[in-house]
C-alpha atoms as a PDB file:
ATOM      1  CA  MET A   1       7.424  14.726 -20.997  1.00  0.00           C
ATOM      2  CA  ARG A   2       7.712  11.012 -20.313  1.00  0.00           C
ATOM      3  CA  ASN A   3      11.072   9.297 -20.440  1.00  0.00           C
ATOM      4  CA  THR A   4      11.078   6.950 -23.430  1.00  0.00           C
ATOM      5  CA  THR A   5      14.299   5.095 -22.646  1.00  0.00           C
ATOM      6  CA  ASN A   6      14.657   1.841 -20.779  1.00  0.00           C
ATOM      7  CA  ASP A   7      17.481   3.199 -18.627  1.00  0.00           C
ATOM      8  CA  VAL A   8      16.652   2.537 -14.999  1.00  0.00           C
ATOM      9  CA  PRO A   9      18.670   3.030 -11.813  1.00  0.00           C
ATOM     10  CA  ALA A  10      19.935   0.077  -9.824  1.00  0.00           C
ATOM     11  CA  LEU A  11      17.675   1.090  -6.938  1.00  0.00           C
ATOM     12  CA  ALA A  12      14.286   2.812  -7.321  1.00  0.00           C
ATOM     13  CA  VAL A  13      11.555   3.724  -4.845  1.00  0.00           C
ATOM     14  CA  VAL A  14       7.850   2.852  -4.844  1.00  0.00           C
ATOM     15  CA  GLY A  15       6.016   5.809  -3.351  1.00  0.00           C
ATOM     16  CA  VAL A  16       3.825   8.863  -3.781  1.00  0.00           C
ATOM     17  CA  ARG A  17       4.940  11.848  -5.821  1.00  0.00           C
ATOM     18  CA  GLY A  18       5.102  14.903  -3.584  1.00  0.00           C
ATOM     19  CA  GLY A  19       5.200  12.791  -0.425  1.00  0.00           C
ATOM     20  CA  TRP A  20       7.959  13.922   1.910  1.00  0.00           C
ATOM     21  CA  SER A  21       9.254  10.466   2.821  1.00  0.00           C
ATOM     22  CA  SER A  22       8.897   9.057  -0.714  1.00  0.00           C
ATOM     23  CA  GLU A  23      10.791  11.925  -2.338  1.00  0.00           C
ATOM     24  CA  LEU A  24      13.496  11.845   0.333  1.00  0.00           C
ATOM     25  CA  LEU A  25      14.023   8.106  -0.036  1.00  0.00           C
ATOM     26  CA  ALA A  26      14.225   8.401  -3.839  1.00  0.00           C
ATOM     27  CA  ARG A  27      16.994  10.992  -3.494  1.00  0.00           C
ATOM     28  CA  ARG A  28      18.847   8.889  -0.961  1.00  0.00           C
ATOM     29  CA  ALA A  29      18.580   5.802  -3.186  1.00  0.00           C
ATOM     30  CA  ALA A  30      20.124   7.743  -6.071  1.00  0.00           C
ATOM     31  CA  GLU A  31      22.918   8.962  -3.822  1.00  0.00           C
ATOM     32  CA  ALA A  32      23.604   5.431  -2.612  1.00  0.00           C
ATOM     33  CA  CYS A  33      23.684   3.808  -6.062  1.00  0.00           C
ATOM     34  CA  GLY A  34      24.261   6.632  -8.545  1.00  0.00           C
ATOM     35  CA  GLY A  35      21.988   7.807 -11.333  1.00  0.00           C
ATOM     36  CA  GLU A  36      18.870   9.910 -11.160  1.00  0.00           C
ATOM     37  CA  PRO A  37      16.121   9.421  -8.545  1.00  0.00           C
ATOM     38  CA  LEU A  38      13.238   7.267  -9.768  1.00  0.00           C
ATOM     39  CA  LEU A  39       9.966   7.365  -7.824  1.00  0.00           C
ATOM     40  CA  VAL A  40       7.484   4.767  -9.086  1.00  0.00           C
ATOM     41  CA  GLU A  41       3.770   5.454  -8.569  1.00  0.00           C
ATOM     42  CA  LEU A  42       1.924   2.146  -8.705  1.00  0.00           C
ATOM     43  CA  GLU A  43      -1.285   3.625 -10.106  1.00  0.00           C
ATOM     44  CA  ARG A  44       0.712   4.350 -13.266  1.00  0.00           C
ATOM     45  CA  LEU A  45       2.474   0.995 -13.457  1.00  0.00           C
ATOM     46  CA  SER A  46       1.558  -1.392 -16.268  1.00  0.00           C
ATOM     47  CA  LEU A  47       2.518  -5.032 -15.864  1.00  0.00           C
ATOM     48  CA  ASP A  48       2.644  -7.424 -18.837  1.00  0.00           C
ATOM     49  CA  LEU A  49       2.263 -10.884 -17.335  1.00  0.00           C
ATOM     50  CA  ASN A  50       3.430 -12.615 -20.521  1.00  0.00           C
ATOM     51  CA  THR A  51       6.728 -10.787 -20.978  1.00  0.00           C
ATOM     52  CA  GLY A  52       7.277  -9.698 -17.374  1.00  0.00           C
ATOM     53  CA  ARG A  53       7.772  -6.076 -18.423  1.00  0.00           C
ATOM     54  CA  ALA A  54       6.719  -3.557 -15.759  1.00  0.00           C
ATOM     55  CA  MET A  55       6.388  -0.201 -17.466  1.00  0.00           C
ATOM     56  CA  PHE A  56       6.357   3.124 -15.654  1.00  0.00           C
ATOM     57  CA  ASP A  57       6.941   6.453 -17.378  1.00  0.00           C
ATOM     58  CA  GLY A  58       8.432   4.685 -20.400  1.00  0.00           C
ATOM     59  CA  ARG A  59      10.847   2.623 -18.293  1.00  0.00           C
ATOM     60  CA  ASP A  60      10.828  -1.082 -17.552  1.00  0.00           C
ATOM     61  CA  ILE A  61      11.381  -1.198 -13.799  1.00  0.00           C
ATOM     62  CA  SER A  62      11.756  -4.978 -13.910  1.00  0.00           C
ATOM     63  CA  LYS A  63      15.286  -4.083 -15.032  1.00  0.00           C
ATOM     64  CA  CYS A  64      16.033  -2.458 -11.664  1.00  0.00           C
ATOM     65  CA  ARG A  65      18.101  -4.486  -9.256  1.00  0.00           C
ATOM     66  CA  GLY A  66      16.083  -3.375  -6.257  1.00  0.00           C
ATOM     67  CA  LEU A  67      12.919  -1.516  -5.239  1.00  0.00           C
ATOM     68  CA  LEU A  68      12.398   0.232  -1.910  1.00  0.00           C
ATOM     69  CA  LEU A  69       8.726   0.140  -0.942  1.00  0.00           C
ATOM     70  CA  LYS A  70       7.790   3.364   0.855  1.00  0.00           C
ATOM     71  CA  LYS A  71       4.137   3.966  -0.049  1.00  0.00           C
ATOM     72  CA  LEU A  72       1.752   1.898  -2.158  1.00  0.00           C
ATOM     73  CA  GLY A  73      -0.599   4.837  -2.675  1.00  0.00           C
ATOM     74  CA  PRO A  74      -1.756   8.088  -1.090  1.00  0.00           C
ATOM     75  CA  GLU A  75      -4.372   6.295   1.043  1.00  0.00           C
ATOM     76  CA  TYR A  76      -4.710   2.875   2.611  1.00  0.00           C
ATOM     77  CA  ALA A  77      -7.410   0.786   0.919  1.00  0.00           C
ATOM     78  CA  PRO A  78      -8.068  -2.874   0.037  1.00  0.00           C
ATOM     79  CA  GLY A  79      -6.926  -2.204  -3.552  1.00  0.00           C
ATOM     80  CA  LEU A  80      -3.366  -1.859  -2.315  1.00  0.00           C
ATOM     81  CA  LEU A  81      -3.282  -5.626  -1.892  1.00  0.00           C
ATOM     82  CA  ASP A  82      -3.603  -5.965  -5.677  1.00  0.00           C
ATOM     83  CA  ARG A  83      -0.671  -3.580  -6.120  1.00  0.00           C
ATOM     84  CA  LEU A  84       1.352  -5.764  -3.790  1.00  0.00           C
ATOM     85  CA  GLU A  85       0.560  -8.738  -6.020  1.00  0.00           C
ATOM     86  CA  MET A  86       2.017  -6.827  -8.974  1.00  0.00           C
ATOM     87  CA  LEU A  87       5.170  -6.210  -6.956  1.00  0.00           C
ATOM     88  CA  ARG A  88       5.283  -9.866  -5.911  1.00  0.00           C
ATOM     89  CA  PHE A  89       5.283 -10.827  -9.583  1.00  0.00           C
ATOM     90  CA  ILE A  90       8.137  -8.392 -10.308  1.00  0.00           C
ATOM     91  CA  GLU A  91      10.046  -9.776  -7.340  1.00  0.00           C
ATOM     92  CA  ALA A  92       9.712 -13.280  -8.741  1.00  0.00           C
ATOM     93  CA  ARG A  93      11.352 -12.001 -11.947  1.00  0.00           C
ATOM     94  CA  GLY A  94      14.487 -11.213  -9.957  1.00  0.00           C
ATOM     95  CA  VAL A  95      14.057  -7.698  -8.524  1.00  0.00           C
ATOM     96  CA  ALA A  96      14.988  -7.430  -4.836  1.00  0.00           C
ATOM     97  CA  MET A  97      12.272  -5.827  -2.711  1.00  0.00           C
ATOM     98  CA  PHE A  98      12.679  -3.878   0.533  1.00  0.00           C
ATOM     99  CA  SER A  99      10.437  -4.957   2.241  1.00  0.00           C
ATOM    100  CA  ARG A 100       9.218  -8.062   0.417  1.00  0.00           C
ATOM    101  CA  PRO A 101       5.594  -7.782  -0.804  1.00  0.00           C
ATOM    102  CA  GLY A 102       4.634 -11.013   0.945  1.00  0.00           C
ATOM    103  CA  ALA A 103       5.808  -9.589   4.262  1.00  0.00           C
ATOM    104  CA  VAL A 104       3.929  -6.312   3.723  1.00  0.00           C
ATOM    105  CA  MET A 105       0.736  -8.219   2.901  1.00  0.00           C
ATOM    106  CA  GLY A 106       0.792  -9.665   6.396  1.00  0.00           C
ATOM    107  CA  LEU A 107       0.221  -6.314   8.081  1.00  0.00           C
ATOM    108  CA  LEU A 108      -1.268  -3.870   5.588  1.00  0.00           C
ATOM    109  CA  ASP A 109      -4.718  -4.985   6.774  1.00  0.00           C
ATOM    110  CA  ARG A 110      -5.151  -4.218  10.502  1.00  0.00           C
ATOM    111  CA  MET A 111      -6.956  -7.506  11.062  1.00  0.00           C
ATOM    112  CA  SER A 112      -4.118  -9.514   9.532  1.00  0.00           C
ATOM    113  CA  CYS A 113      -1.549  -7.623  11.596  1.00  0.00           C
ATOM    114  CA  THR A 114      -3.514  -8.083  14.817  1.00  0.00           C
ATOM    115  CA  THR A 115      -4.064 -11.806  14.192  1.00  0.00           C
ATOM    116  CA  THR A 116      -0.338 -12.401  13.708  1.00  0.00           C
ATOM    117  CA  LEU A 117       0.550 -10.389  16.813  1.00  0.00           C
ATOM    118  CA  VAL A 118      -1.960 -12.200  19.024  1.00  0.00           C
ATOM    119  CA  LEU A 119      -1.001 -15.651  17.713  1.00  0.00           C
ATOM    120  CA  GLY A 120       2.616 -14.652  18.303  1.00  0.00           C
ATOM    121  CA  GLY A 121       1.909 -14.032  21.978  1.00  0.00           C
ATOM    122  CA  MET A 122       2.213 -10.242  21.881  1.00  0.00           C
ATOM    123  CA  PRO A 123       0.332  -8.201  24.527  1.00  0.00           C
ATOM    124  CA  LEU A 124      -2.308  -5.997  22.884  1.00  0.00           C
ATOM    125  CA  PRO A 125      -5.086  -3.912  24.430  1.00  0.00           C
ATOM    126  CA  PRO A 126      -8.314  -5.928  24.770  1.00  0.00           C
ATOM    127  CA  THR A 127      -9.828  -6.133  21.282  1.00  0.00           C
ATOM    128  CA  THR A 128     -13.109  -7.364  19.806  1.00  0.00           C
ATOM    129  CA  VAL A 129     -13.679  -7.957  16.087  1.00  0.00           C
ATOM    130  CA  THR A 130     -17.181  -8.629  14.829  1.00  0.00           C
ATOM    131  CA  GLU A 131     -19.907  -7.778  12.344  1.00  0.00           C
ATOM    132  CA  ASP A 132     -22.621  -8.400  14.933  1.00  0.00           C
ATOM    133  CA  LEU A 133     -24.103  -5.250  16.482  1.00  0.00           C
ATOM    134  CA  ASP A 134     -25.181  -6.946  19.706  1.00  0.00           C
ATOM    135  CA  ALA A 135     -21.670  -8.246  20.299  1.00  0.00           C
ATOM    136  CA  ALA A 136     -20.199  -4.846  19.455  1.00  0.00           C
ATOM    137  CA  VAL A 137     -22.461  -3.020  21.898  1.00  0.00           C
ATOM    138  CA  ALA A 138     -21.630  -5.542  24.633  1.00  0.00           C
ATOM    139  CA  ALA A 139     -17.899  -5.129  23.958  1.00  0.00           C
ATOM    140  CA  VAL A 140     -17.947  -1.331  24.253  1.00  0.00           C
ATOM    141  CA  GLU A 141     -20.070  -1.520  27.404  1.00  0.00           C
ATOM    142  CA  SER A 142     -17.646  -4.005  28.964  1.00  0.00           C
ATOM    143  CA  TYR A 143     -14.622  -1.865  28.013  1.00  0.00           C
ATOM    144  CA  GLY A 144     -16.167   1.358  29.284  1.00  0.00           C
ATOM    145  CA  GLU A 145     -14.566   3.194  26.364  1.00  0.00           C
ATOM    146  CA  ALA A 146     -13.293   1.864  23.045  1.00  0.00           C
ATOM    147  CA  ILE A 147     -11.843   3.011  19.756  1.00  0.00           C
ATOM    148  CA  ALA A 148     -13.346   1.787  16.499  1.00  0.00           C
ATOM    149  CA  LYS A 149     -10.566   1.385  13.937  1.00  0.00           C
ATOM    150  CA  PRO A 150     -10.785   0.899  10.157  1.00  0.00           C
ATOM    151  CA  LEU A 151      -8.920  -2.096   8.787  1.00  0.00           C
ATOM    152  CA  PHE A 152      -6.989   0.194   6.430  1.00  0.00           C
ATOM    153  CA  SER A 153      -5.802   3.497   7.921  1.00  0.00           C
ATOM    154  CA  THR A 154      -2.851   5.465   9.276  1.00  0.00           C
ATOM    155  CA  LYS A 155      -2.465   8.343  11.735  1.00  0.00           C
ATOM    156  CA  ALA A 156      -5.854   7.587  13.356  1.00  0.00           C
ATOM    157  CA  ARG A 157      -7.750   8.426  10.161  1.00  0.00           C
ATOM    158  CA  GLY A 158     -11.295   7.078  10.353  1.00  0.00           C
ATOM    159  CA  MET A 159     -10.999   6.063  13.995  1.00  0.00           C
ATOM    160  CA  ARG A 160     -13.825   6.903  16.381  1.00  0.00           C
ATOM    161  CA  LEU A 161     -13.967   7.086  20.164  1.00  0.00           C
ATOM    162  CA  LEU A 162     -17.011   5.246  21.540  1.00  0.00           C
ATOM    163  CA  ARG A 163     -18.607   5.203  24.979  1.00  0.00           C
ATOM    164  CA  PRO A 164     -21.667   3.397  26.380  1.00  0.00           C
ATOM    165  CA  GLY A 165     -24.881   5.376  26.014  1.00  0.00           C
ATOM    166  CA  PRO A 166     -28.296   5.501  24.361  1.00  0.00           C
ATOM    167  CA  ASP A 167     -26.854   6.277  20.918  1.00  0.00           C
ATOM    168  CA  LEU A 168     -24.069   3.663  20.985  1.00  0.00           C
ATOM    169  CA  ARG A 169     -25.926   1.130  18.799  1.00  0.00           C
ATOM    170  CA  ALA A 170     -26.702   3.794  16.205  1.00  0.00           C
ATOM    171  CA  GLN A 171     -23.050   4.912  16.150  1.00  0.00           C
ATOM    172  CA  LEU A 172     -21.868   1.349  15.678  1.00  0.00           C
ATOM    173  CA  ALA A 173     -24.415   0.704  12.930  1.00  0.00           C
ATOM    174  CA  GLU A 174     -23.287   3.836  11.118  1.00  0.00           C
ATOM    175  CA  TYR A 175     -19.645   2.846  11.464  1.00  0.00           C
ATOM    176  CA  ARG A 176     -20.367  -0.658  10.178  1.00  0.00           C
ATOM    177  CA  ARG A 177     -22.134   0.766   7.118  1.00  0.00           C
ATOM    178  CA  GLY A 178     -19.061   2.820   6.331  1.00  0.00           C
ATOM    179  CA  HIS A 179     -16.444   0.163   7.036  1.00  0.00           C
ATOM    180  CA  GLY A 180     -18.183  -3.210   6.774  1.00  0.00           C
ATOM    181  CA  PHE A 181     -16.433  -4.615   9.838  1.00  0.00           C
ATOM    182  CA  LEU A 182     -16.117  -3.614  13.475  1.00  0.00           C
ATOM    183  CA  TYR A 183     -12.659  -3.633  15.024  1.00  0.00           C
ATOM    184  CA  LEU A 184     -13.033  -2.376  18.592  1.00  0.00           C
ATOM    185  CA  GLN A 185     -10.124  -1.840  20.947  1.00  0.00           C
ATOM    186  CA  LYS A 186     -10.353  -0.877  24.591  1.00  0.00           C
ATOM    187  CA  THR A 187      -8.927   2.553  25.363  1.00  0.00           C
ATOM    188  CA  VAL A 188      -5.783   2.202  27.438  1.00  0.00           C
ATOM    189  CA  ALA A 189      -4.322   4.825  29.758  1.00  0.00           C
ATOM    190  CA  LEU A 190      -1.020   5.637  28.081  1.00  0.00           C
ATOM    191  CA  GLY A 191      -0.326   9.026  29.627  1.00  0.00           C
ATOM    192  CA  ASP A 192       0.674  11.749  27.225  1.00  0.00           C
ATOM    193  CA  ARG A 193       2.723   9.613  24.815  1.00  0.00           C
ATOM    194  CA  ASP A 194       3.215   6.377  22.989  1.00  0.00           C
ATOM    195  CA  LEU A 195       6.348   5.086  21.300  1.00  0.00           C
ATOM    196  CA  GLY A 196       7.639   4.282  17.854  1.00  0.00           C
ATOM    197  CA  VAL A 197      10.362   1.647  18.187  1.00  0.00           C
ATOM    198  CA  VAL A 198      12.287   1.462  14.910  1.00  0.00           C
ATOM    199  CA  PHE A 199      14.142  -1.475  13.338  1.00  0.00           C
ATOM    200  CA  MET A 200      16.143  -1.900  10.144  1.00  0.00           C
ATOM    201  CA  GLY A 201      17.116  -5.298   8.842  1.00  0.00           C
ATOM    202  CA  GLY A 202      15.823  -6.798  12.081  1.00  0.00           C
ATOM    203  CA  ASP A 203      18.224  -4.698  14.162  1.00  0.00           C
ATOM    204  CA  TYR A 204      17.166  -2.039  16.641  1.00  0.00           C
ATOM    205  CA  LEU A 205      17.754   1.481  15.323  1.00  0.00           C
ATOM    206  CA  THR A 206      16.185   3.959  17.747  1.00  0.00           C
ATOM    207  CA  THR A 207      12.982   5.020  19.521  1.00  0.00           C
ATOM    208  CA  TYR A 208      10.946   8.202  19.454  1.00  0.00           C
ATOM    209  CA  ALA A 209       7.845   9.277  21.347  1.00  0.00           C
ATOM    210  CA  ARG A 210       4.635  10.709  19.925  1.00  0.00           C
ATOM    211  CA  CYS A 211       3.389  13.239  22.464  1.00  0.00           C
ATOM    212  CA  ARG A 212      -0.250  14.175  22.218  1.00  0.00           C
ATOM    213  CA  LYS A 213      -1.654  17.654  22.198  1.00  0.00           C
ATOM    214  CA  LEU A 214      -3.587  18.681  25.295  1.00  0.00           C
ATOM    215  CA  GLY A 215      -7.216  17.630  24.857  1.00  0.00           C
ATOM    216  CA  ALA A 216      -6.576  15.183  22.002  1.00  0.00           C
ATOM    217  CA  TRP A 217      -7.466  11.521  22.471  1.00  0.00           C
ATOM    218  CA  ASN A 218      -4.636  10.258  20.243  1.00  0.00           C
ATOM    219  CA  THR A 219      -0.954  11.112  19.812  1.00  0.00           C
ATOM    220  CA  THR A 220      -0.745  11.468  16.027  1.00  0.00           C
ATOM    221  CA  THR A 221       0.743  14.550  14.413  1.00  0.00           C
ATOM    222  CA  ALA A 222      -2.511  14.840  12.454  1.00  0.00           C
ATOM    223  CA  SER A 223      -4.172  15.632  15.805  1.00  0.00           C
ATOM    224  CA  GLY A 224      -1.482  18.091  16.875  1.00  0.00           C
ATOM    225  CA  GLY A 225       0.949  15.628  18.420  1.00  0.00           C
ATOM    226  CA  ARG A 226       4.705  16.136  18.304  1.00  0.00           C
ATOM    227  CA  TYR A 227       7.761  13.919  18.185  1.00  0.00           C
ATOM    228  CA  ALA A 228      10.284  13.748  21.028  1.00  0.00           C
ATOM    229  CA  PRO A 229      13.307  11.582  21.874  1.00  0.00           C
ATOM    230  CA  PHE A 230      12.726   8.673  24.216  1.00  0.00           C
ATOM    231  CA  ASP A 231      14.980   5.912  25.520  1.00  0.00           C
ATOM    232  CA  PRO A 232      12.886   2.882  26.516  1.00  0.00           C
ATOM    233  CA  PRO A 233      14.029   0.165  28.897  1.00  0.00           C
ATOM    234  CA  ALA A 234      15.573  -2.959  27.424  1.00  0.00           C
ATOM    235  CA  GLU A 235      12.434  -5.035  28.021  1.00  0.00           C
ATOM    236  CA  VAL A 236      10.381  -2.706  25.801  1.00  0.00           C
ATOM    237  CA  ILE A 237      12.947  -2.913  23.001  1.00  0.00           C
ATOM    238  CA  ASP A 238      12.967  -6.707  23.338  1.00  0.00           C
ATOM    239  CA  LEU A 239       9.158  -6.860  23.165  1.00  0.00           C
ATOM    240  CA  ALA A 240       9.101  -4.637  20.089  1.00  0.00           C
ATOM    241  CA  TRP A 241      11.837  -6.734  18.487  1.00  0.00           C
ATOM    242  CA  ARG A 242       9.792  -9.889  18.978  1.00  0.00           C
ATOM    243  CA  ALA A 243       6.750  -8.173  17.480  1.00  0.00           C
ATOM    244  CA  GLN A 244       8.571  -7.031  14.340  1.00  0.00           C
ATOM    245  CA  ASP A 245      10.302 -10.385  13.970  1.00  0.00           C
ATOM    246  CA  LEU A 246       6.920 -11.979  13.273  1.00  0.00           C
ATOM    247  CA  PHE A 247       6.783 -10.084   9.957  1.00  0.00           C
ATOM    248  CA  LYS A 248      10.417 -10.069   8.690  1.00  0.00           C
ATOM    249  CA  LEU A 249      10.355  -6.512   7.316  1.00  0.00           C
ATOM    250  CA  ASP A 250      13.470  -4.632   6.214  1.00  0.00           C
ATOM    251  CA  PHE A 251      12.360  -1.382   7.853  1.00  0.00           C
ATOM    252  CA  THR A 252       9.576  -1.001  10.363  1.00  0.00           C
ATOM    253  CA  CYS A 253       8.256   0.906  13.343  1.00  0.00           C
ATOM    254  CA  VAL A 254       6.466  -0.858  16.200  1.00  0.00           C
ATOM    255  CA  ASP A 255       3.861   1.233  18.024  1.00  0.00           C
ATOM    256  CA  VAL A 256       4.077   0.598  21.764  1.00  0.00           C
ATOM    257  CA  ALA A 257       2.031   2.024  24.641  1.00  0.00           C
ATOM    258  CA  LEU A 258       3.451   2.139  28.164  1.00  0.00           C
ATOM    259  CA  THR A 259       0.538   1.366  30.481  1.00  0.00           C
ATOM    260  CA  ASP A 260       0.123   0.632  34.183  1.00  0.00           C
ATOM    261  CA  ASP A 261      -0.284  -3.022  33.215  1.00  0.00           C
ATOM    262  CA  GLY A 262       2.947  -3.082  31.221  1.00  0.00           C
ATOM    263  CA  PRO A 263       3.785  -2.326  27.584  1.00  0.00           C
ATOM    264  CA  ARG A 264       1.150  -3.018  24.949  1.00  0.00           C
ATOM    265  CA  ILE A 265       1.650  -3.356  21.198  1.00  0.00           C
ATOM    266  CA  PHE A 266      -0.723  -1.388  18.978  1.00  0.00           C
ATOM    267  CA  GLU A 267       0.596  -2.371  15.570  1.00  0.00           C
ATOM    268  CA  VAL A 268       3.636  -2.935  13.376  1.00  0.00           C
ATOM    269  CA  SER A 269       4.013  -0.516  10.478  1.00  0.00           C
ATOM    270  CA  ALA A 270       5.007  -1.536   6.963  1.00  0.00           C
ATOM    271  CA  PHE A 271       6.553   1.816   6.095  1.00  0.00           C
ATOM    272  CA  GLY A 272       6.525   4.320   8.965  1.00  0.00           C
ATOM    273  CA  GLY A 273       9.107   6.051  11.105  1.00  0.00           C
ATOM    274  CA  PHE A 274      11.190   8.353   8.863  1.00  0.00           C
ATOM    275  CA  ARG A 275       9.874  11.696  10.059  1.00  0.00           C
ATOM    276  CA  GLY A 276       9.700  10.690  13.709  1.00  0.00           C
ATOM    277  CA  VAL A 277      13.303   9.459  13.637  1.00  0.00           C
ATOM    278  CA  GLN A 278      14.522  12.629  11.938  1.00  0.00           C
ATOM    279  CA  GLU A 279      12.615  15.152  14.065  1.00  0.00           C
ATOM    280  CA  ALA A 280      13.131  13.428  17.401  1.00  0.00           C
ATOM    281  CA  ARG A 281      16.576  11.922  16.913  1.00  0.00           C
ATOM    282  CA  GLY A 282      18.186  13.926  14.110  1.00  0.00           C
ATOM    283  CA  VAL A 283      18.848  10.693  12.215  1.00  0.00           C
ATOM    284  CA  ASP A 284      18.320  10.417   8.457  1.00  0.00           C
ATOM    285  CA  ALA A 285      16.611   7.035   8.372  1.00  0.00           C
ATOM    286  CA  ALA A 286      16.064   7.308   4.604  1.00  0.00           C
ATOM    287  CA  LYS A 287      19.824   7.536   4.046  1.00  0.00           C
ATOM    288  CA  LEU A 288      20.513   4.566   6.291  1.00  0.00           C
ATOM    289  CA  TYR A 289      17.790   2.511   4.615  1.00  0.00           C
ATOM    290  CA  ALA A 290      18.959   3.336   1.082  1.00  0.00           C
ATOM    291  CA  GLU A 291      22.533   2.412   1.978  1.00  0.00           C
ATOM    292  CA  TYR A 292      21.293  -0.827   3.570  1.00  0.00           C
ATOM    293  CA  ALA A 293      19.425  -1.742   0.365  1.00  0.00           C
ATOM    294  CA  ALA A 294      22.394  -0.756  -1.807  1.00  0.00           C
ATOM    295  CA  ARG A 295      24.605  -3.143   0.151  1.00  0.00           C
ATOM    296  CA  ARG A 296      22.049  -5.909  -0.181  1.00  0.00           C
ATOM    297  CA  ILE A 297      21.935  -5.622  -3.990  1.00  0.00           C
ATOM    298  CA  GLY A 298      25.700  -5.203  -4.229  1.00  0.00           C
ATOM    299  CA  ALA A 299      25.527  -1.712  -5.714  1.00  0.00           C
END
C-alpha cells in the first residue's frame, strides 16, 4: 500500500529498490537523521513544474532537506539525463543534492567524462572517437588491440575487445549499429589489477584494487574479478584527486590503471565504490557518506 502522507525524512536516497548499495545507503541515511528509510525510484517520480511538487509513493520529496543520489536507474541510458534534469529542478527549489545533478551530468556520458579529463590534462589511454568506419578501422589497426566502449555503461557491460583482422570492419559496423557511436580505447597492459581511488567531499578516503580472474580481459566483478586492499603511492592519489576535482562530486571513485608508462585514468564514477571499499577495506562508506550529508544539511 502506498503511503498517503506528506511526511518525509530529512534525508532520502535516490536509487534502485533491491539494489545492495541503494538499500544500504537508505538505511544509513535514516540512522544518520532519524525517521524511516526512504528510497526514491525516479521512474515513479512525478514532478509538477507549476507547483514544484515532486511526488513519489504519495510523498512530496521536495520537502526533504537533502537527497543522496546513488542510482538513477537499474541501467545506464541516455534517458537518465532527463531524470537528472528533474532532480536539478528539485534542487533549485531548495533541496540539497549529494552529488549535485549538474556535476553528475558531466560524467554520466562516457564521452562527456573523457572530454573533461583530457581537457583537464589527465593521462588517459590512447582513445579515438568517431562515427566513421574507415577512421575506426585505422585506429584499431594502429593500436594493435582496442576496446570498444558504450557511452553509457558500467562494469564493462557492452564493451568489446577488438583486434585487426579480416572481420574488423564488420565488427565495427555491427557495434556502430547497436551504439550509434564508436569510442575506441587502446588496450593497456595493467597487469592483474586496476584501482578504485575513493574520495568523499573532495578528500581522499581509501583505495581498493579490482583483481581480474585468470583469463578475463577486464577486472570487473561481473567477469569474476575480486576486490583487494591496495595502498597506492602518493603521486597516484594526487593524480586521482586532480581528476575528481574536475567534477566536484560529493562521493566518487576514480578508476586508475598502473602501466609501464605511468598511471592512466580510465574514468571518474558518479556513484561507485561502496562494495569495493567494504569488501577490500572493511569500511562502511555508506555510513560515512550519510553522516557527511547529514552534517551538510544540519540534521
